[in-house]
Amino acid sequence: QVQLVESGGGLVQAGGSLRLSCAASGSAFSVYAMAWYRQAPGKQREWVAAISRGGGSTNSADSVKGRFTISRDNGKNTVYLQMNSLKPEDTAVYYCNAGRYASNNYYAYDYWGQGTQVTVSS
């Protein structure tokens, strides 16, 4: 079992930046790959970015590639999402997830945080 708590969301103008954090407690954090997902109003939850257990491998959705960076600090049991050049279409509730990485694909376990709202104004 792992518990996840996201923070760092807020209201930002287009072109601005935010850094989201997800703090984990419970099971050993470093045994899990981690990912960020987002869900906009009226849309399905979508995968944003993932990082391997040790942080050596990352991957991200084409819609955020070059703008968002996922990282982790296993000493602090925390995963981050640095979001730059934000666009109104990035507006969503952002969730972190614990899972596993295999063959450069991320597989989500049923461990989710409560989410943090990101709103980008035009």
N, C-alpha and C. Protein backbone atom coordinates (compact mmCIF):
# COMPACT_ATOMS: atom_id res chain seq x y z
N GLN A 1 0.83 -1.19 0.00
CA GLN A 1 0.00 0.00 0.00
C GLN A 1 0.87 1.24 0.00
N VAL A 2 0.48 2.22 -0.79
CA VAL A 2 1.16 3.51 -0.81
C VAL A 2 0.10 4.59 -0.85
N GLN A 3 0.31 5.63 -0.07
CA GLN A 3 -0.59 6.77 -0.07
C GLN A 3 0.09 7.94 -0.77
N LEU A 4 -0.66 8.64 -1.59
CA LEU A 4 -0.12 9.72 -2.42
C LEU A 4 -0.88 11.01 -2.16
N VAL A 5 -0.14 12.10 -2.02
CA VAL A 5 -0.75 13.41 -1.79
C VAL A 5 -0.11 14.42 -2.73
N GLU A 6 -0.92 14.97 -3.64
CA GLU A 6 -0.44 15.96 -4.59
C GLU A 6 -0.56 17.37 -4.02
N SER A 7 0.28 18.27 -4.50
CA SER A 7 0.21 19.68 -4.14
C SER A 7 0.86 20.50 -5.24
N GLY A 8 0.67 21.82 -5.18
CA GLY A 8 1.34 22.71 -6.10
C GLY A 8 0.48 23.26 -7.21
N GLY A 9 -0.77 22.83 -7.30
CA GLY A 9 -1.64 23.36 -8.33
C GLY A 9 -2.03 24.80 -8.06
N GLY A 10 -2.70 25.41 -9.03
CA GLY A 10 -3.14 26.78 -8.85
C GLY A 10 -3.58 27.39 -10.15
N LEU A 11 -3.74 28.71 -10.13
CA LEU A 11 -4.14 29.48 -11.30
C LEU A 11 -2.93 30.20 -11.86
N VAL A 12 -2.71 30.05 -13.15
CA VAL A 12 -1.55 30.67 -13.79
C VAL A 12 -1.95 31.16 -15.17
N GLN A 13 -1.30 32.21 -15.64
CA GLN A 13 -1.57 32.71 -16.98
C GLN A 13 -0.87 31.84 -18.03
N ALA A 14 -1.40 31.84 -19.21
CA ALA A 14 -0.78 31.12 -20.32
C ALA A 14 0.67 31.57 -20.48
N GLY A 15 1.54 30.60 -20.70
CA GLY A 15 2.96 30.88 -20.80
C GLY A 15 3.70 30.76 -19.49
N GLY A 16 2.96 30.65 -18.41
CA GLY A 16 3.58 30.55 -17.08
C GLY A 16 4.01 29.14 -16.74
N SER A 17 4.47 28.98 -15.49
CA SER A 17 5.01 27.71 -15.01
C SER A 17 4.43 27.35 -13.65
N LEU A 18 4.36 26.06 -13.40
CA LEU A 18 4.01 25.52 -12.09
C LEU A 18 4.83 24.27 -11.87
N ARG A 19 5.08 23.95 -10.60
CA ARG A 19 5.69 22.67 -10.26
C ARG A 19 4.78 21.93 -9.31
N LEU A 20 4.34 20.76 -9.74
CA LEU A 20 3.52 19.90 -8.90
C LEU A 20 4.40 18.94 -8.13
N SER A 21 3.97 18.60 -6.93
CA SER A 21 4.66 17.62 -6.10
C SER A 21 3.68 16.53 -5.69
N CYS A 22 4.21 15.34 -5.51
CA CYS A 22 3.40 14.22 -5.02
C CYS A 22 4.23 13.51 -3.96
N ALA A 23 3.77 13.58 -2.73
CA ALA A 23 4.47 12.95 -1.61
C ALA A 23 3.86 11.59 -1.33
N ALA A 24 4.72 10.59 -1.18
CA ALA A 24 4.28 9.22 -0.96
C ALA A 24 4.61 8.77 0.45
N SER A 25 3.74 7.96 1.00
CA SER A 25 3.99 7.35 2.31
C SER A 25 3.44 5.93 2.27
N GLY A 26 3.86 5.12 3.23
CA GLY A 26 3.41 3.73 3.27
C GLY A 26 4.52 2.81 2.81
N SER A 27 4.29 2.12 1.71
CA SER A 27 5.29 1.19 1.19
C SER A 27 6.51 1.93 0.67
N ALA A 28 7.60 1.19 0.47
CA ALA A 28 8.83 1.77 -0.03
C ALA A 28 8.60 2.46 -1.37
N PHE A 29 8.86 3.75 -1.41
CA PHE A 29 8.58 4.56 -2.60
C PHE A 29 9.39 4.08 -3.80
N SER A 30 10.63 3.70 -3.58
CA SER A 30 11.53 3.42 -4.69
C SER A 30 11.21 2.11 -5.41
N VAL A 31 10.27 1.32 -4.91
CA VAL A 31 9.92 0.09 -5.64
C VAL A 31 8.93 0.37 -6.76
N TYR A 32 8.39 1.56 -6.79
CA TYR A 32 7.38 1.91 -7.78
C TYR A 32 7.92 2.84 -8.85
N ALA A 33 7.53 2.58 -10.09
CA ALA A 33 7.58 3.63 -11.09
C ALA A 33 6.43 4.59 -10.76
N MET A 34 6.54 5.82 -11.22
CA MET A 34 5.52 6.82 -10.89
C MET A 34 5.09 7.54 -12.17
N ALA A 35 3.89 8.08 -12.12
CA ALA A 35 3.38 8.79 -13.28
C ALA A 35 2.45 9.91 -12.85
N TRP A 36 2.24 10.83 -13.77
CA TRP A 36 1.23 11.87 -13.63
C TRP A 36 0.17 11.66 -14.70
N TYR A 37 -1.07 11.84 -14.29
CA TYR A 37 -2.21 11.82 -15.20
C TYR A 37 -2.98 13.14 -15.00
N ARG A 38 -3.88 13.43 -15.93
CA ARG A 38 -4.73 14.60 -15.76
C ARG A 38 -6.12 14.31 -16.31
N GLN A 39 -7.08 15.03 -15.78
CA GLN A 39 -8.46 14.89 -16.25
C GLN A 39 -9.10 16.26 -16.34
N ALA A 40 -9.46 16.63 -17.55
CA ALA A 40 -10.16 17.89 -17.79
C ALA A 40 -11.66 17.65 -17.69
N PRO A 41 -12.44 18.72 -17.42
CA PRO A 41 -13.89 18.56 -17.30
C PRO A 41 -14.49 17.92 -18.55
N GLY A 42 -15.29 16.89 -18.34
CA GLY A 42 -15.96 16.23 -19.45
C GLY A 42 -15.08 15.31 -20.29
N LYS A 43 -13.84 15.11 -19.86
CA LYS A 43 -12.92 14.25 -20.62
C LYS A 43 -12.43 13.09 -19.76
N GLN A 44 -11.90 12.08 -20.43
CA GLN A 44 -11.34 10.96 -19.71
C GLN A 44 -9.98 11.32 -19.13
N ARG A 45 -9.61 10.60 -18.08
CA ARG A 45 -8.28 10.81 -17.52
C ARG A 45 -7.23 10.37 -18.53
N GLU A 46 -6.18 11.17 -18.69
CA GLU A 46 -5.14 10.84 -19.66
C GLU A 46 -3.76 10.84 -19.00
N TRP A 47 -2.93 9.98 -19.49
CA TRP A 47 -1.55 9.87 -19.00
C TRP A 47 -0.74 11.07 -19.49
N VAL A 48 0.10 11.62 -18.60
CA VAL A 48 0.90 12.79 -18.94
C VAL A 48 2.39 12.43 -19.03
N ALA A 49 2.93 11.78 -17.99
CA ALA A 49 4.36 11.47 -17.97
C ALA A 49 4.60 10.37 -16.96
N ALA A 50 5.71 9.64 -17.15
CA ALA A 50 6.08 8.56 -16.24
C ALA A 50 7.58 8.56 -16.03
N ILE A 51 7.98 7.96 -14.90
CA ILE A 51 9.40 7.88 -14.56
C ILE A 51 9.66 6.53 -13.91
N SER A 52 10.81 5.95 -14.22
CA SER A 52 11.15 4.64 -13.69
C SER A 52 11.50 4.73 -12.21
N ARG A 53 11.70 3.57 -11.59
CA ARG A 53 11.92 3.52 -10.14
C ARG A 53 13.13 4.33 -9.72
N GLY A 54 14.21 4.23 -10.48
CA GLY A 54 15.43 4.94 -10.13
C GLY A 54 15.53 6.32 -10.75
N GLY A 55 14.59 6.65 -11.63
CA GLY A 55 14.59 7.96 -12.27
C GLY A 55 15.39 8.03 -13.56
N GLY A 56 15.97 6.90 -13.98
CA GLY A 56 16.82 6.94 -15.16
C GLY A 56 16.08 6.95 -16.48
N SER A 57 14.80 6.55 -16.46
CA SER A 57 13.99 6.54 -17.68
C SER A 57 12.73 7.35 -17.46
N THR A 58 12.43 8.20 -18.43
CA THR A 58 11.20 8.98 -18.39
C THR A 58 10.53 8.93 -19.75
N ASN A 59 9.28 9.23 -19.74
CA ASN A 59 8.52 9.30 -20.98
C ASN A 59 7.36 10.27 -20.77
N SER A 60 6.90 10.89 -21.82
CA SER A 60 5.80 11.84 -21.68
C SER A 60 4.93 11.83 -22.92
N ALA A 61 3.71 12.30 -22.74
CA ALA A 61 2.77 12.38 -23.85
C ALA A 61 3.22 13.43 -24.85
N ASP A 62 2.87 13.22 -26.10
CA ASP A 62 3.27 14.17 -27.15
C ASP A 62 2.75 15.58 -26.86
N SER A 63 1.59 15.68 -26.22
CA SER A 63 0.97 16.98 -25.98
C SER A 63 1.76 17.84 -24.99
N VAL A 64 2.63 17.22 -24.20
CA VAL A 64 3.39 17.98 -23.21
C VAL A 64 4.90 17.87 -23.41
N LYS A 65 5.30 17.07 -24.39
CA LYS A 65 6.73 16.86 -24.61
C LYS A 65 7.43 18.18 -24.89
N GLY A 66 8.57 18.39 -24.22
CA GLY A 66 9.31 19.63 -24.40
C GLY A 66 8.85 20.74 -23.47
N ARG A 67 7.71 20.58 -22.80
CA ARG A 67 7.20 21.59 -21.88
C ARG A 67 7.15 21.08 -20.44
N PHE A 68 6.83 19.82 -20.25
CA PHE A 68 6.70 19.24 -18.92
C PHE A 68 7.87 18.29 -18.66
N THR A 69 8.36 18.28 -17.43
CA THR A 69 9.44 17.38 -17.03
C THR A 69 9.07 16.68 -15.74
N ILE A 70 9.15 15.34 -15.76
CA ILE A 70 8.90 14.57 -14.55
C ILE A 70 10.23 14.21 -13.91
N SER A 71 10.28 14.25 -12.60
CA SER A 71 11.48 13.88 -11.86
C SER A 71 11.06 13.30 -10.52
N ARG A 72 12.02 12.71 -9.82
CA ARG A 72 11.71 12.15 -8.51
C ARG A 72 12.91 12.27 -7.60
N ASP A 73 12.63 12.29 -6.31
CA ASP A 73 13.66 12.29 -5.27
C ASP A 73 13.30 11.15 -4.32
N ASN A 74 13.99 10.02 -4.47
CA ASN A 74 13.65 8.85 -3.65
C ASN A 74 14.00 9.07 -2.17
N GLY A 75 14.93 9.96 -1.91
CA GLY A 75 15.25 10.28 -0.52
C GLY A 75 14.14 11.04 0.17
N LYS A 76 13.32 11.74 -0.62
CA LYS A 76 12.21 12.51 -0.07
C LYS A 76 10.86 11.87 -0.37
N ASN A 77 10.88 10.69 -1.00
CA ASN A 77 9.63 10.00 -1.35
C ASN A 77 8.68 10.91 -2.13
N THR A 78 9.21 11.64 -3.08
CA THR A 78 8.43 12.64 -3.80
C THR A 78 8.71 12.57 -5.30
N VAL A 79 7.65 12.73 -6.07
CA VAL A 79 7.76 12.86 -7.52
C VAL A 79 7.25 14.26 -7.90
N TYR A 80 7.86 14.83 -8.92
CA TYR A 80 7.55 16.20 -9.32
C TYR A 80 7.11 16.23 -10.78
N LEU A 81 6.37 17.28 -11.11
CA LEU A 81 6.06 17.58 -12.50
C LEU A 81 6.29 19.07 -12.71
N GLN A 82 7.37 19.40 -13.39
CA GLN A 82 7.65 20.79 -13.75
C GLN A 82 6.92 21.10 -15.04
N MET A 83 6.06 22.10 -15.00
CA MET A 83 5.24 22.44 -16.16
C MET A 83 5.59 23.86 -16.61
N ASN A 84 6.11 23.97 -17.81
CA ASN A 84 6.48 25.27 -18.38
C ASN A 84 5.63 25.55 -19.61
N SER A 85 5.63 26.79 -20.03
CA SER A 85 4.89 27.20 -21.24
C SER A 85 3.46 26.66 -21.21
N LEU A 86 2.80 26.88 -20.10
CA LEU A 86 1.47 26.33 -19.92
C LEU A 86 0.47 26.95 -20.89
N LYS A 87 -0.49 26.12 -21.31
CA LYS A 87 -1.53 26.52 -22.24
C LYS A 87 -2.90 26.33 -21.59
N PRO A 88 -3.91 27.06 -22.05
CA PRO A 88 -5.25 26.86 -21.48
C PRO A 88 -5.71 25.40 -21.56
N GLU A 89 -5.30 24.68 -22.58
CA GLU A 89 -5.71 23.28 -22.72
C GLU A 89 -5.03 22.36 -21.72
N ASP A 90 -4.09 22.88 -20.94
CA ASP A 90 -3.48 22.09 -19.86
C ASP A 90 -4.35 22.13 -18.60
N THR A 91 -5.39 22.94 -18.61
CA THR A 91 -6.28 23.02 -17.45
C THR A 91 -6.91 21.67 -17.16
N ALA A 92 -6.74 21.19 -15.92
CA ALA A 92 -7.23 19.86 -15.54
C ALA A 92 -6.92 19.64 -14.06
N VAL A 93 -7.48 18.58 -13.53
CA VAL A 93 -7.04 18.06 -12.24
C VAL A 93 -5.91 17.08 -12.52
N TYR A 94 -4.79 17.26 -11.84
CA TYR A 94 -3.61 16.43 -12.06
C TYR A 94 -3.48 15.44 -10.90
N TYR A 95 -3.26 14.18 -11.28
CA TYR A 95 -3.16 13.10 -10.31
C TYR A 95 -1.81 12.39 -10.45
N CYS A 96 -1.23 11.97 -9.33
CA CYS A 96 -0.07 11.10 -9.44
C CYS A 96 -0.50 9.66 -9.18
N ASN A 97 0.31 8.76 -9.69
CA ASN A 97 -0.01 7.33 -9.64
C ASN A 97 1.27 6.54 -9.42
N ALA A 98 1.15 5.43 -8.72
CA ALA A 98 2.26 4.50 -8.55
C ALA A 98 1.99 3.27 -9.40
N GLY A 99 3.01 2.78 -10.09
CA GLY A 99 2.83 1.64 -10.97
C GLY A 99 4.15 0.97 -11.28
N ARG A 100 4.25 0.44 -12.50
CA ARG A 100 5.48 -0.21 -12.93
C ARG A 100 5.79 0.15 -14.36
N TYR A 101 7.06 0.04 -14.69
CA TYR A 101 7.55 0.36 -16.02
C TYR A 101 8.03 -0.95 -16.64
N ALA A 102 7.60 -1.26 -17.86
CA ALA A 102 8.05 -2.47 -18.55
C ALA A 102 8.10 -2.18 -20.04
N SER A 103 9.25 -2.46 -20.65
CA SER A 103 9.42 -2.25 -22.10
C SER A 103 9.03 -0.84 -22.49
N ASN A 104 9.44 0.13 -21.68
CA ASN A 104 9.19 1.55 -21.92
C ASN A 104 7.71 1.91 -21.90
N ASN A 105 6.91 1.05 -21.33
CA ASN A 105 5.49 1.34 -21.15
C ASN A 105 5.18 1.41 -19.66
N TYR A 106 4.27 2.30 -19.31
CA TYR A 106 3.89 2.47 -17.91
C TYR A 106 2.57 1.77 -17.66
N TYR A 107 2.51 1.02 -16.55
CA TYR A 107 1.30 0.29 -16.17
C TYR A 107 0.90 0.78 -14.78
N ALA A 108 -0.29 1.37 -14.70
CA ALA A 108 -0.75 1.97 -13.45
C ALA A 108 -1.29 0.92 -12.49
N TYR A 109 -0.87 1.01 -11.24
CA TYR A 109 -1.53 0.29 -10.17
C TYR A 109 -2.67 1.18 -9.67
N ASP A 110 -3.50 0.63 -8.82
CA ASP A 110 -4.65 1.38 -8.33
C ASP A 110 -4.28 2.20 -7.09
N TYR A 111 -3.23 2.99 -7.24
CA TYR A 111 -2.81 3.90 -6.18
C TYR A 111 -2.86 5.32 -6.74
N TRP A 112 -3.79 6.11 -6.24
CA TRP A 112 -4.00 7.46 -6.76
C TRP A 112 -4.04 8.45 -5.61
N GLY A 113 -3.58 9.66 -5.89
CA GLY A 113 -3.78 10.74 -4.96
C GLY A 113 -5.15 11.37 -5.17
N GLN A 114 -5.41 12.45 -4.42
CA GLN A 114 -6.72 13.11 -4.50
C GLN A 114 -6.78 14.12 -5.64
N GLY A 115 -5.62 14.45 -6.18
CA GLY A 115 -5.57 15.38 -7.30
C GLY A 115 -5.33 16.82 -6.87
N THR A 116 -4.78 17.60 -7.78
CA THR A 116 -4.57 19.03 -7.55
C THR A 116 -4.99 19.77 -8.82
N GLN A 117 -5.75 20.85 -8.64
CA GLN A 117 -6.31 21.58 -9.78
C GLN A 117 -5.28 22.53 -10.38
N VAL A 118 -5.15 22.46 -11.69
CA VAL A 118 -4.33 23.41 -12.44
C VAL A 118 -5.26 24.14 -13.41
N THR A 119 -5.27 25.45 -13.33
CA THR A 119 -6.08 26.27 -14.22
C THR A 119 -5.19 27.27 -14.93
N VAL A 120 -5.22 27.25 -16.26
CA VAL A 120 -4.41 28.14 -17.07
C VAL A 120 -5.33 29.11 -17.78
N SER A 121 -5.18 30.38 -17.51
CA SER A 121 -6.03 31.40 -18.13
C SER A 121 -5.37 31.95 -19.38
N SER A 122 -6.20 32.32 -20.33
CA SER A 122 -5.68 32.82 -21.61
C SER A 122 -5.49 34.33 -21.57
